[in-house]
Protein backbone atom coordinates (compact mmCIF):
# COMPACT_ATOMS: atom_id res chain seq x y z
CA MET A 1 -4.86 6.45 0.08
CA ASN A 2 -3.04 4.95 3.00
CA ILE A 3 -4.49 1.50 2.58
CA LYS A 4 -1.54 -0.74 2.69
CA LYS A 5 -1.98 -3.34 5.40
CA SER A 6 -1.63 -7.05 5.98
CA PHE A 7 -3.47 -9.93 7.59
CA THR A 8 -2.45 -10.98 11.11
CA SER A 9 -3.91 -13.44 13.62
CA LYS A 10 -3.88 -10.64 16.19
CA SER A 11 -5.91 -8.50 13.81
CA LEU A 12 -8.53 -11.25 13.53
CA LEU A 13 -9.09 -11.23 17.28
CA ILE A 14 -9.70 -7.50 17.09
CA LEU A 15 -11.76 -7.68 13.94
CA THR A 16 -14.23 -10.16 15.39
CA MET A 17 -15.16 -7.51 17.93
CA VAL A 18 -15.76 -4.85 15.27
CA LEU A 19 -18.99 -4.45 13.35
CA SER A 20 -18.38 -5.94 9.94
CA LEU A 21 -19.71 -2.89 8.14
CA GLY A 22 -17.18 -0.61 9.79
CA VAL A 23 -17.89 3.12 9.75
CA THR A 24 -20.42 4.48 7.29
CA THR A 25 -20.67 8.12 6.34
CA ALA A 26 -23.53 9.34 4.22
CA CYS A 27 -23.25 12.35 1.99
CA SER A 28 -26.88 13.13 2.53
CA LYS A 29 -29.73 11.60 4.40
CA ALA A 30 -30.57 7.91 4.35
CA ASP A 31 -30.53 5.18 1.80
CA THR A 32 -34.28 4.65 1.87
CA ALA A 33 -34.57 4.75 -1.90
CA ASP A 34 -33.18 2.72 -4.76
CA LYS A 35 -31.11 5.67 -5.98
CA VAL A 36 -28.25 5.28 -3.52
CA LEU A 37 -24.74 4.62 -4.80
CA ARG A 38 -22.58 2.90 -2.19
CA VAL A 39 -18.82 3.33 -2.33
CA ALA A 40 -16.47 1.34 -0.06
CA TYR A 41 -12.84 1.90 0.92
CA GLY A 42 -10.49 1.98 3.88
CA SER A 43 -9.93 5.21 5.75
CA GLY A 44 -7.55 7.52 3.93
CA GLY A 45 -7.68 10.40 6.38
CA SER A 46 -9.58 13.67 6.51
CA ASP A 47 -7.91 15.24 3.46
CA ALA A 48 -8.82 12.32 1.22
CA GLN A 49 -12.35 12.22 2.61
CA ALA A 50 -12.78 15.91 1.83
CA VAL A 51 -12.03 15.17 -1.82
CA TRP A 52 -14.44 12.23 -1.86
CA ASP A 53 -17.12 14.52 -0.45
CA GLU A 54 -16.54 16.89 -3.37
CA VAL A 55 -16.74 13.97 -5.80
CA ALA A 56 -20.09 13.00 -4.30
CA THR A 57 -21.36 16.56 -4.61
CA ALA A 58 -20.38 16.68 -8.29
CA PHE A 59 -21.97 13.29 -8.96
CA LYS A 60 -25.24 14.28 -7.32
CA ALA A 61 -25.33 17.54 -9.27
CA ASN A 62 -25.06 15.54 -12.50
CA ASN A 63 -27.53 12.89 -11.32
CA PRO A 64 -30.52 14.62 -9.68
CA GLY A 65 -32.32 12.48 -7.14
CA TRP A 66 -29.30 10.27 -6.47
CA ASP A 67 -27.45 9.96 -3.19
CA VAL A 68 -23.95 8.68 -2.34
CA GLN A 69 -23.15 6.65 0.74
CA PHE A 70 -19.53 6.00 1.70
CA GLN A 71 -18.81 2.75 3.51
CA VAL A 72 -15.54 3.65 5.23
CA GLN A 73 -13.63 1.17 7.38
CA ASN A 74 -10.41 0.90 9.32
CA ASP A 75 -7.68 -0.08 6.85
CA ASP A 76 -6.82 -3.42 8.45
CA LEU A 77 -10.48 -4.36 8.80
CA TYR A 78 -11.17 -3.48 5.20
CA GLU A 79 -8.32 -5.52 3.74
CA THR A 80 -8.96 -8.67 5.74
CA ILE A 81 -12.61 -9.46 6.47
CA GLY A 82 -14.26 -6.05 6.16
CA LEU A 83 -14.60 -5.83 2.39
CA LYS A 84 -15.66 -9.47 2.19
CA ASN A 85 -18.43 -8.83 4.70
CA LEU A 86 -19.53 -5.69 2.89
CA LEU A 87 -19.82 -7.53 -0.41
CA THR A 88 -22.01 -10.23 1.13
CA SER A 89 -24.09 -7.87 3.27
CA GLY A 90 -27.61 -6.64 2.66
CA ASN A 91 -26.25 -3.30 1.41
CA PRO A 92 -23.18 -4.21 -0.67
CA PRO A 93 -21.08 -1.49 -2.31
CA ASP A 94 -21.63 -0.65 -5.96
CA VAL A 95 -18.03 0.56 -6.20
CA TYR A 96 -15.15 -0.54 -3.97
CA PHE A 97 -11.41 -0.08 -3.51
CA GLU A 98 -9.07 -2.96 -4.26
CA TRP A 99 -5.53 -3.80 -5.32
CA ALA A 100 -4.55 -5.01 -8.77
CA GLY A 101 -2.94 -8.43 -8.99
CA ALA A 102 -4.04 -11.44 -6.99
CA ARG A 103 -6.79 -9.58 -5.12
CA LEU A 104 -8.39 -8.30 -8.32
CA GLN A 105 -8.15 -11.80 -9.82
CA ASN A 106 -9.91 -13.21 -6.76
CA LYS A 107 -12.74 -10.68 -6.96
CA LEU A 108 -13.24 -11.57 -10.61
CA ALA A 109 -13.29 -15.29 -9.80
CA ASP A 110 -15.85 -14.65 -7.03
CA GLY A 111 -18.13 -12.71 -9.40
CA TYR A 112 -17.62 -9.23 -7.94
CA ALA A 113 -15.72 -7.47 -10.76
CA ALA A 114 -17.83 -6.19 -13.64
CA ASP A 115 -16.56 -5.91 -17.21
CA ILE A 116 -16.55 -2.13 -17.71
CA THR A 117 -14.61 -2.06 -20.98
CA ASP A 118 -17.40 -0.55 -23.07
CA ALA A 119 -18.54 1.79 -20.30
CA VAL A 120 -15.04 3.22 -19.85
CA SER A 121 -15.00 4.13 -23.53
CA SER A 122 -18.60 5.31 -24.03
CA SER A 123 -18.79 7.38 -20.83
CA GLY A 124 -15.63 9.34 -21.54
CA LEU A 125 -13.98 7.97 -18.40
CA GLY A 126 -11.16 6.49 -20.46
CA ALA A 127 -10.29 9.93 -21.81
CA GLU A 128 -9.25 10.97 -18.29
CA PHE A 129 -6.30 8.54 -18.46
CA ASN A 130 -3.19 8.21 -20.61
CA ASP A 131 -2.71 5.31 -22.99
CA GLY A 132 -1.72 2.15 -21.15
CA ALA A 133 -3.10 3.26 -17.79
CA PHE A 134 -5.54 0.34 -17.67
CA ALA A 135 -2.92 -2.34 -18.40
CA ALA A 136 -2.63 -3.44 -14.77
CA THR A 137 -6.41 -3.53 -14.33
CA THR A 138 -7.26 -5.44 -17.50
CA ILE A 139 -7.74 -9.21 -17.42
CA ASP A 140 -8.13 -11.24 -20.61
CA GLY A 141 -8.68 -8.06 -22.60
CA LYS A 142 -11.45 -6.73 -20.36
CA ILE A 143 -11.16 -3.77 -17.99
CA ARG A 144 -12.10 -4.90 -14.49
CA MET A 145 -10.90 -1.94 -12.42
CA VAL A 146 -10.43 1.80 -12.80
CA PRO A 147 -6.89 2.62 -11.61
CA TYR A 148 -6.64 5.02 -8.70
CA THR A 149 -2.96 5.19 -7.78
CA SER A 150 0.23 3.41 -8.64
CA ASP A 151 2.06 3.48 -5.34
CA VAL A 152 5.69 2.87 -4.63
CA THR A 153 5.10 0.77 -1.53
CA ASN A 154 8.58 0.90 -0.07
CA VAL A 155 11.53 3.25 -0.27
CA ILE A 156 13.60 4.59 2.62
CA TRP A 157 12.71 8.14 3.63
CA TYR A 158 15.31 10.05 5.56
CA ASN A 159 15.68 13.27 7.51
CA LYS A 160 18.21 15.36 5.58
CA ASP A 161 18.95 17.59 8.56
CA ILE A 162 19.80 14.62 10.79
CA PHE A 163 22.01 13.13 8.08
CA ALA A 164 23.88 16.43 7.77
CA LYS A 165 24.23 16.73 11.55
CA VAL A 166 26.16 13.44 11.79
CA GLY A 167 28.19 14.09 8.63
CA ILE A 168 26.33 11.95 6.11
CA THR A 169 26.60 13.94 2.90
CA ALA A 170 24.73 11.68 0.48
CA ALA A 171 22.12 8.94 0.58
CA PRO A 172 23.63 5.43 0.50
CA THR A 173 23.52 3.44 -2.74
CA THR A 174 24.81 0.13 -1.34
CA TRP A 175 23.82 -1.92 1.69
CA ALA A 176 27.34 -1.59 3.10
CA GLN A 177 27.17 2.20 2.87
CA MET A 178 23.80 2.18 4.60
CA LEU A 179 25.22 0.11 7.47
CA ASP A 180 28.08 2.60 7.82
CA ASP A 181 25.53 5.41 8.04
CA CYS A 182 23.55 3.46 10.65
CA LYS A 183 26.73 3.10 12.71
CA LYS A 184 27.29 6.88 12.63
CA LEU A 185 23.71 7.59 13.59
CA LYS A 186 23.70 5.14 16.49
CA ALA A 187 27.02 6.55 17.76
CA ALA A 188 25.36 9.98 17.81
CA GLY A 189 22.51 8.61 19.92
CA ILE A 190 20.02 8.56 17.03
CA THR A 191 17.93 5.51 16.18
CA PRO A 192 18.64 4.78 12.50
CA PHE A 193 15.23 3.30 11.56
CA SER A 194 11.73 3.65 12.96
CA ILE A 195 8.93 1.32 11.96
CA GLY A 196 5.55 0.45 13.41
CA ASN A 197 5.10 -3.23 12.59
CA LYS A 198 2.26 -4.21 14.90
CA ASP A 199 0.20 -5.34 11.90
CA LEU A 200 3.24 -6.97 10.23
CA TRP A 201 2.90 -5.38 6.80
CA VAL A 202 5.46 -2.57 7.27
CA ALA A 203 8.45 -4.84 7.86
CA GLY A 204 6.80 -7.27 5.46
CA ASN A 205 7.07 -4.75 2.63
CA TRP A 206 10.53 -3.45 3.50
CA PHE A 207 12.08 -6.86 3.89
CA GLY A 208 9.98 -8.47 1.17
CA HIS A 209 11.82 -6.17 -1.21
CA LEU A 210 15.08 -7.16 0.48
CA TYR A 211 14.28 -10.87 0.02
CA SER A 212 13.75 -10.36 -3.71
CA ARG A 213 17.09 -8.55 -3.94
CA VAL A 214 19.01 -11.25 -2.02
CA ALA A 215 17.27 -14.47 -3.11
CA GLY A 216 16.35 -13.34 -6.61
CA ASP A 217 13.13 -12.05 -8.16
CA ALA A 218 12.17 -15.43 -9.62
CA LEU A 219 12.64 -17.29 -6.35
CA TYR A 220 10.76 -14.59 -4.42
CA ASP A 221 7.80 -15.09 -6.75
CA GLN A 222 8.07 -18.87 -6.62
CA VAL A 223 8.12 -18.97 -2.82
CA LEU A 224 5.14 -16.66 -2.43
CA SER A 225 3.30 -18.53 -5.19
CA LYS A 226 3.85 -21.81 -3.29
CA GLN A 227 6.11 -23.27 -5.97
CA LYS A 228 9.16 -23.38 -3.71
CA PRO A 229 9.39 -23.85 0.09
CA MET A 230 9.57 -20.77 2.27
CA ASN A 231 12.55 -22.18 4.15
CA SER A 232 14.68 -22.38 1.01
CA PRO A 233 18.36 -21.65 1.78
CA GLU A 234 18.22 -18.43 -0.24
CA PHE A 235 15.38 -17.09 1.94
CA VAL A 236 17.18 -18.09 5.12
CA LYS A 237 20.19 -16.12 3.88
CA ALA A 238 17.97 -13.13 3.08
CA LEU A 239 16.30 -13.16 6.49
CA GLN A 240 19.73 -13.07 8.13
CA TYR A 241 19.97 -9.44 7.00
CA VAL A 242 16.99 -8.70 9.27
CA ALA A 243 18.63 -10.57 12.15
CA ASP A 244 21.80 -8.51 11.67
CA LEU A 245 19.89 -5.21 11.78
CA HIS A 246 18.20 -6.33 15.00
CA ALA A 247 21.48 -7.46 16.58
CA ALA A 248 23.10 -4.12 15.75
CA GLY A 249 20.23 -2.19 17.35
CA TYR A 250 19.51 -0.22 14.19
CA ILE A 251 15.70 -0.51 14.40
CA ASN A 252 13.52 0.86 17.22
CA ALA A 253 13.04 -1.82 19.88
CA SER A 254 9.30 -1.07 19.94
CA ALA A 255 8.86 -1.96 16.26
CA ASN A 256 6.53 -4.96 16.67
CA SER A 257 4.45 -3.35 19.42
CA ILE A 258 3.50 -0.06 17.74
CA THR A 259 1.30 0.75 14.75
CA ASP A 260 2.48 2.11 11.43
CA ASN A 261 1.23 5.59 12.37
CA GLU A 262 3.20 5.49 15.62
CA GLY A 263 6.27 4.56 13.60
CA TYR A 264 5.66 7.57 11.37
CA SER A 265 5.42 9.78 14.44
CA LEU A 266 8.86 8.71 15.69
CA PHE A 267 10.29 9.79 12.36
CA PHE A 268 8.36 13.06 12.22
CA GLN A 269 9.43 13.90 15.78
CA ASN A 270 13.13 13.50 14.88
CA LYS A 271 13.47 10.41 17.05
CA ALA A 272 14.73 8.34 14.13
CA ALA A 273 16.65 9.23 11.00
CA MET A 274 14.99 6.89 8.48
CA LEU A 275 11.57 5.43 7.76
CA PRO A 276 11.02 2.55 5.29
CA ILE A 277 7.50 3.02 3.89
CA GLY A 278 5.54 3.81 0.74
CA SER A 279 4.77 6.96 -1.19
CA TRP A 280 1.61 7.67 0.81
CA ILE A 281 3.81 8.99 3.62
CA ILE A 282 4.05 12.23 1.64
CA SER A 283 0.49 13.21 2.53
CA ASN A 284 1.21 12.40 6.20
CA GLN A 285 4.33 14.54 6.12
CA ILE A 286 2.48 17.47 4.53
CA LYS A 287 -0.04 17.34 7.35
CA ASP A 288 2.03 16.30 10.37
CA ALA A 289 5.53 17.63 9.68
CA PRO A 290 5.28 20.29 6.97
CA ASN A 291 8.66 21.82 7.80
CA MET A 292 10.57 18.55 7.75
CA ASN A 293 13.47 18.38 5.32
CA MET A 294 12.69 14.91 3.98
CA SER A 295 13.98 12.94 1.01
CA TRP A 296 14.29 9.27 0.03
CA PHE A 297 16.47 6.59 -1.50
CA ASN A 298 15.54 3.24 -2.98
CA LEU A 299 16.57 0.05 -1.20
CA PRO A 300 20.39 0.02 -1.54
CA ALA A 301 22.07 -2.56 -3.74
CA ILE A 302 23.14 -5.78 -2.00
CA ASP A 303 26.58 -7.05 -2.95
CA GLY A 304 26.21 -10.57 -4.35
CA GLY A 305 22.41 -10.40 -4.37
CA ALA A 306 20.71 -12.64 -6.94
CA GLY A 307 17.88 -10.20 -7.69
CA ASP A 308 17.60 -7.05 -9.76
CA GLN A 309 19.36 -4.44 -7.61
CA GLY A 310 17.52 -1.59 -9.29
CA SER A 311 14.02 -2.96 -8.70
CA ILE A 312 11.24 -1.07 -6.95
CA MET A 313 8.36 -2.36 -4.86
CA ALA A 314 5.08 -1.00 -6.16
CA VAL A 315 1.42 -1.77 -6.66
CA THR A 316 -1.57 -0.39 -8.55
CA THR A 317 -4.76 0.31 -6.62
CA GLY A 318 -8.16 1.12 -8.03
CA TYR A 319 -11.92 0.94 -7.86
CA ILE A 320 -13.99 -2.02 -9.02
CA VAL A 321 -17.59 -1.81 -10.14
CA ASN A 322 -19.49 -4.61 -8.42
CA ALA A 323 -20.70 -7.11 -11.03
CA LYS A 324 -23.71 -7.83 -8.80
CA SER A 325 -24.76 -4.16 -8.75
CA ALA A 326 -27.77 -2.98 -10.75
CA LYS A 327 -26.25 0.53 -10.81
CA GLN A 328 -23.13 -0.10 -12.88
CA ASP A 329 -23.74 2.84 -15.24
CA LYS A 330 -24.03 5.23 -12.28
CA ALA A 331 -20.94 3.70 -10.72
CA VAL A 332 -18.97 4.55 -13.86
CA ASP A 333 -20.40 8.08 -13.79
CA PHE A 334 -19.21 8.42 -10.21
CA LEU A 335 -15.69 7.28 -11.12
CA LYS A 336 -15.65 9.72 -14.02
CA SER A 337 -16.37 12.51 -11.53
CA ALA A 338 -13.65 11.19 -9.21
CA PHE A 339 -10.96 11.30 -11.88
CA SER A 340 -11.86 14.43 -13.78
CA ALA A 341 -9.07 16.95 -14.29
CA ASP A 342 -10.41 19.20 -11.52
CA MET A 343 -10.59 16.36 -9.01
CA VAL A 344 -7.14 15.04 -9.90
CA ALA A 345 -5.74 18.47 -9.02
CA LYS A 346 -7.46 18.21 -5.64
CA TRP A 347 -6.11 14.70 -5.06
CA SER A 348 -2.64 16.04 -5.82
CA ALA A 349 -3.08 18.91 -3.39
CA ALA A 350 -3.98 16.35 -0.73
CA GLY A 351 -0.68 14.54 -1.29
CA ILE A 352 -2.19 11.72 -3.36
CA THR A 353 -1.01 11.01 -6.90
CA PRO A 354 -3.71 9.40 -9.05
CA VAL A 355 -2.94 7.50 -12.25
CA ALA A 356 -5.39 9.76 -14.11
CA LYS A 357 -4.08 12.74 -16.08
CA ALA A 358 -2.99 15.63 -13.89
CA GLY A 359 -5.45 18.48 -13.85
CA ASP A 360 -2.79 20.91 -12.69
CA SER A 361 0.80 19.65 -12.53
CA ALA A 362 1.75 22.69 -10.47
CA MET A 363 -0.34 21.26 -7.63
CA MET A 364 1.92 18.21 -7.36
CA ASP A 365 4.66 18.59 -4.77
CA LEU A 366 8.23 17.65 -5.68
CA LEU A 367 8.29 14.48 -3.61
CA SER A 368 5.11 13.20 -5.23
CA LYS A 369 6.55 14.00 -8.64
CA SER A 370 9.70 12.06 -7.74
CA MET A 371 7.55 9.02 -6.94
CA VAL A 372 5.81 9.29 -10.31
CA ASP A 373 9.20 9.55 -12.00
CA LEU A 374 10.38 6.44 -10.17
CA LEU A 375 7.31 4.50 -11.27
CA ASN A 376 7.86 5.64 -14.84
CA SER A 377 11.57 4.85 -14.80
CA GLY A 378 11.17 1.40 -16.33
CA ALA A 379 12.58 -0.34 -13.25
CA ARG A 380 11.51 -3.90 -12.49
CA ILE A 381 8.48 -3.89 -10.19
CA VAL A 382 8.35 -6.31 -7.26
CA ALA A 383 4.90 -7.02 -5.76
CA PRO A 384 4.41 -6.66 -1.98
CA PRO A 385 3.71 -9.95 -0.17
CA ASP A 386 0.28 -8.94 1.12
CA THR A 387 -1.24 -7.47 -2.04
CA GLY A 388 0.59 -9.36 -4.75
CA TYR A 389 0.10 -12.82 -3.26
CA ASP A 390 -2.19 -14.98 -1.15
CA LEU A 391 -2.81 -13.37 2.24
CA LYS A 392 -2.08 -16.58 4.16
CA MET A 393 1.31 -16.87 2.49
CA ALA A 394 2.01 -13.21 3.21
CA ASP A 395 0.96 -13.62 6.83
CA ALA A 396 3.29 -16.59 7.31
CA LEU A 397 6.27 -14.79 5.79
CA ASN A 398 5.57 -11.51 7.55
CA THR A 399 5.17 -13.32 10.87
CA ALA A 400 8.57 -14.97 10.35
CA THR A 401 10.05 -11.56 9.61
CA SER A 402 8.58 -10.07 12.79
CA GLU A 403 9.93 -12.95 14.89
CA VAL A 404 13.44 -12.40 13.60
CA LEU A 405 13.02 -8.64 13.97
CA ASP A 406 12.24 -9.23 17.66
CA GLY A 407 15.12 -11.68 18.05
CA VAL A 408 12.86 -14.47 19.33
CA LYS A 409 13.76 -16.88 16.49
CA THR A 410 16.64 -17.45 14.13
CA PRO A 411 15.97 -17.09 10.39
CA GLN A 412 16.00 -20.87 9.99
CA GLN A 413 13.59 -21.45 12.89
CA ALA A 414 11.20 -18.72 11.75
CA LEU A 415 11.06 -19.95 8.17
CA ASP A 416 10.78 -23.61 9.16
CA ASP A 417 7.76 -22.70 11.27
CA ALA A 418 6.33 -20.54 8.48
CA GLN A 419 6.67 -23.40 5.98
CA THR A 420 4.97 -25.81 8.38
CA LYS A 421 2.16 -23.31 8.83
CA VAL A 422 1.44 -22.92 5.10
CA SER A 423 1.90 -26.64 4.41
CA THR A 424 -0.90 -27.54 6.81
CA GLN A 425 -3.38 -24.91 5.59
């Protein structure tokens, strides 16, 4: 599911003009009866919705008289104020999408995450997953979320044909090699990187990983956890890498003015050689550029970096059963239908890789399999700013990144302002 967004002040201005319940699609008629299961998530596209429709059909066949209503919202709306408004509305979801980590912890603290430990076992839902699959969604020994996907949230995808055209024979493994490749691409009239950072999270993820590599994993966590100041010298040094990319003209000049999807389009239309983004881009590529010769490399190693140079940026997503729902048993039944072997095969065919056991491994494309292999490689996992930490902290850091990416502030100025912003909140 392509729900990987971040909070921005610009988004808030837009969101206040949008109905808080977003877009609702019903699988059958109206929710006039008590037997309506409401399921909330951000828009994942038509292919994902087609699978959800099949899940609803299977659930209703197993639960005569019951209906399913999907509460589907724009991704940015959902992550910021949309889900919050849904949960406090007159028709709150019984099941809803969320991220593991700080966001799951917050939903538990607010009383919206049911303990489904016994239900996972007794319903047979747990049998659809391998041992250890619930580790990231278990808090204090109790399962609070059913895992949906474990997404690599940032690697660098590249067009193999463009690389070959300019004489790049292998993906770079060091930052210096990557800069050499960027120089060749620019000399050939090709923009090295395309990103759509209008909502701040794209560059926030890419460079958040960079900050952990340069400043160190411990300091990255301490800064975003408010234990160390954001304008620490190590972070200023890390942000200089962004300033250097901007100064060299290696990133599309429109980066901060276009959406993530528009950034994808530049890449798919061969207008840029590389795209830093998460594993969900595979489903976009299958749909929008099926003939593209695409591959990826992890963030290259930074010489002298204090962090783990083999780390990956990743996150687990899943579905929470609302603790305030009177339909928790039916919610678990619905999730069992969603992650049955047959449905997992359909998710895979749609370019999505669920955590649940594969129903048909042959349905998984090679790029998706490579993402699973990366997740299972044992590499250190770095959490994205906007899903692993407080949204206000993420917004401040991602805003600083965007300002340096646009060249309107130096790293020191941007981080000084970011620290002032979080210190007064």
